[in-house]
Amino acid sequence: MKRTYIYRLEVGYDKKPPEVIEFFYAPNAKRLIQYAQTMYHDKKYNKYKPVKVGISRDKEPIRMISSFEAAYLKKNMNGEFYSERYETE
């Protein structure tokens, strides 16, 4: 069975901070970027940076994670980034 991963996708323009940061379910980064390019077609973004942050327990179609789930993930990601930064100092 193929796995479904959880990605944090940062979208924007080159040499600028990301304008959009969202979480998605996707089987791989390449398919996620294709999905996001269609989703944000009218904005003409040229920078898509997917970061794998986890694995889904269930097989999911490519889709954006709900705002409730995303808020939970963002809260937990901030804690992990802080602890990683703290450990390296």
C-alpha atoms as a PDB file:
ATOM      1  CA  MET A   1       0.000   0.000   0.000  1.00  0.00           C
ATOM      2  CA  LYS A   2       1.308   3.427  -0.912  1.00  0.00           C
ATOM      3  CA  ARG A   3       1.721   5.935   1.873  1.00  0.00           C
ATOM      4  CA  THR A   4       0.262   9.392   2.136  1.00  0.00           C
ATOM      5  CA  TYR A   5       2.535  12.031   3.620  1.00  0.00           C
ATOM      6  CA  ILE A   6       1.792  15.323   5.311  1.00  0.00           C
ATOM      7  CA  TYR A   7       3.603  18.284   3.777  1.00  0.00           C
ATOM      8  CA  ARG A   8       3.981  21.909   4.767  1.00  0.00           C
ATOM      9  CA  LEU A   9       3.963  23.862   1.516  1.00  0.00           C
ATOM     10  CA  GLU A  10       5.454  27.338   1.322  1.00  0.00           C
ATOM     11  CA  VAL A  11       4.348  29.257  -1.766  1.00  0.00           C
ATOM     12  CA  GLY A  12       5.468  32.630  -3.047  1.00  0.00           C
ATOM     13  CA  TYR A  13       7.909  34.466  -5.275  1.00  0.00           C
ATOM     14  CA  ASP A  14      11.706  34.137  -5.535  1.00  0.00           C
ATOM     15  CA  LYS A  15      13.798  36.090  -3.002  1.00  0.00           C
ATOM     16  CA  LYS A  16      10.736  36.996  -0.919  1.00  0.00           C
ATOM     17  CA  PRO A  17       9.243  35.339   2.164  1.00  0.00           C
ATOM     18  CA  PRO A  18       6.411  32.876   1.405  1.00  0.00           C
ATOM     19  CA  GLU A  19       2.967  34.396   0.955  1.00  0.00           C
ATOM     20  CA  VAL A  20       1.107  31.147   1.650  1.00  0.00           C
ATOM     21  CA  ILE A  21       1.981  28.396   4.135  1.00  0.00           C
ATOM     22  CA  GLU A  22      -0.480  25.500   4.137  1.00  0.00           C
ATOM     23  CA  PHE A  23      -0.517  21.821   5.056  1.00  0.00           C
ATOM     24  CA  PHE A  24      -1.476  19.126   2.539  1.00  0.00           C
ATOM     25  CA  TYR A  25      -1.885  15.379   2.242  1.00  0.00           C
ATOM     26  CA  ALA A  26       0.018  14.063  -0.800  1.00  0.00           C
ATOM     27  CA  PRO A  27       1.759  10.874  -1.969  1.00  0.00           C
ATOM     28  CA  ASN A  28       4.937  12.778  -2.952  1.00  0.00           C
ATOM     29  CA  ALA A  29       6.334  16.292  -3.346  1.00  0.00           C
ATOM     30  CA  LYS A  30       6.178  16.328  -7.149  1.00  0.00           C
ATOM     31  CA  ARG A  31       2.439  15.611  -7.244  1.00  0.00           C
ATOM     32  CA  LEU A  32       1.842  18.178  -4.494  1.00  0.00           C
ATOM     33  CA  ILE A  33       3.629  20.900  -6.471  1.00  0.00           C
ATOM     34  CA  GLN A  34       1.549  20.077  -9.574  1.00  0.00           C
ATOM     35  CA  TYR A  35      -1.632  20.260  -7.472  1.00  0.00           C
ATOM     36  CA  ALA A  36      -0.596  23.587  -5.911  1.00  0.00           C
ATOM     37  CA  GLN A  37       0.335  25.097  -9.270  1.00  0.00           C
ATOM     38  CA  THR A  38      -3.200  24.421 -10.508  1.00  0.00           C
ATOM     39  CA  MET A  39      -4.691  25.644  -7.242  1.00  0.00           C
ATOM     40  CA  TYR A  40      -2.772  28.949  -7.243  1.00  0.00           C
ATOM     41  CA  HIS A  41      -2.707  29.371 -11.041  1.00  0.00           C
ATOM     42  CA  ASP A  42      -4.139  32.902 -11.008  1.00  0.00           C
ATOM     43  CA  LYS A  43      -1.457  34.200  -8.586  1.00  0.00           C
ATOM     44  CA  LYS A  44       1.462  33.154 -10.874  1.00  0.00           C
ATOM     45  CA  TYR A  45       3.725  32.067  -8.000  1.00  0.00           C
ATOM     46  CA  ASN A  46       7.133  30.744  -9.035  1.00  0.00           C
ATOM     47  CA  LYS A  47       8.410  29.239  -5.767  1.00  0.00           C
ATOM     48  CA  TYR A  48       6.905  26.067  -4.274  1.00  0.00           C
ATOM     49  CA  LYS A  49       8.781  24.542  -1.338  1.00  0.00           C
ATOM     50  CA  PRO A  50       7.279  21.323   0.080  1.00  0.00           C
ATOM     51  CA  VAL A  51       8.592  20.068   3.431  1.00  0.00           C
ATOM     52  CA  LYS A  52       7.607  16.571   4.570  1.00  0.00           C
ATOM     53  CA  VAL A  53       6.428  16.803   8.191  1.00  0.00           C
ATOM     54  CA  GLY A  54       4.750  13.458   8.783  1.00  0.00           C
ATOM     55  CA  ILE A  55       2.937  10.366   7.558  1.00  0.00           C
ATOM     56  CA  SER A  56      -0.824   9.931   7.508  1.00  0.00           C
ATOM     57  CA  ARG A  57      -2.258   6.798   9.116  1.00  0.00           C
ATOM     58  CA  ASP A  58      -4.899   6.505   6.393  1.00  0.00           C
ATOM     59  CA  LYS A  59      -4.616   6.711   2.626  1.00  0.00           C
ATOM     60  CA  GLU A  60      -5.810  10.204   1.671  1.00  0.00           C
ATOM     61  CA  PRO A  61      -6.311  11.901  -1.687  1.00  0.00           C
ATOM     62  CA  ILE A  62      -4.202  14.988  -2.433  1.00  0.00           C
ATOM     63  CA  ARG A  63      -5.934  17.766  -0.555  1.00  0.00           C
ATOM     64  CA  MET A  64      -5.408  20.702   1.743  1.00  0.00           C
ATOM     65  CA  ILE A  65      -5.676  19.837   5.412  1.00  0.00           C
ATOM     66  CA  SER A  66      -8.643  21.426   7.218  1.00  0.00           C
ATOM     67  CA  SER A  67      -8.026  24.637   9.171  1.00  0.00           C
ATOM     68  CA  PHE A  68      -8.576  22.833  12.498  1.00  0.00           C
ATOM     69  CA  GLU A  69      -5.973  20.163  11.699  1.00  0.00           C
ATOM     70  CA  ALA A  70      -3.611  22.784  10.258  1.00  0.00           C
ATOM     71  CA  ALA A  71      -3.832  24.942  13.394  1.00  0.00           C
ATOM     72  CA  TYR A  72      -2.911  21.889  15.492  1.00  0.00           C
ATOM     73  CA  LEU A  73       0.018  21.055  13.203  1.00  0.00           C
ATOM     74  CA  LYS A  74       1.301  24.648  13.154  1.00  0.00           C
ATOM     75  CA  LYS A  75       1.182  24.765  16.946  1.00  0.00           C
ATOM     76  CA  ASN A  76       3.152  21.527  17.201  1.00  0.00           C
ATOM     77  CA  MET A  77       5.607  22.503  14.457  1.00  0.00           C
ATOM     78  CA  ASN A  78       6.521  25.714  16.301  1.00  0.00           C
ATOM     79  CA  GLY A  79       7.333  23.676  19.406  1.00  0.00           C
ATOM     80  CA  GLU A  80       9.497  21.256  17.430  1.00  0.00           C
ATOM     81  CA  PHE A  81      11.373  24.054  15.671  1.00  0.00           C
ATOM     82  CA  TYR A  82      12.002  25.742  19.006  1.00  0.00           C
ATOM     83  CA  SER A  83      13.276  22.558  20.624  1.00  0.00           C
ATOM     84  CA  GLU A  84      15.535  21.784  17.649  1.00  0.00           C
ATOM     85  CA  ARG A  85      16.941  25.305  17.757  1.00  0.00           C
ATOM     86  CA  TYR A  86      17.400  25.089  21.502  1.00  0.00           C
ATOM     87  CA  GLU A  87      19.277  21.786  21.298  1.00  0.00           C
ATOM     88  CA  THR A  88      21.750  23.071  18.724  1.00  0.00           C
ATOM     89  CA  GLU A  89      22.757  26.160  20.717  1.00  0.00           C
END
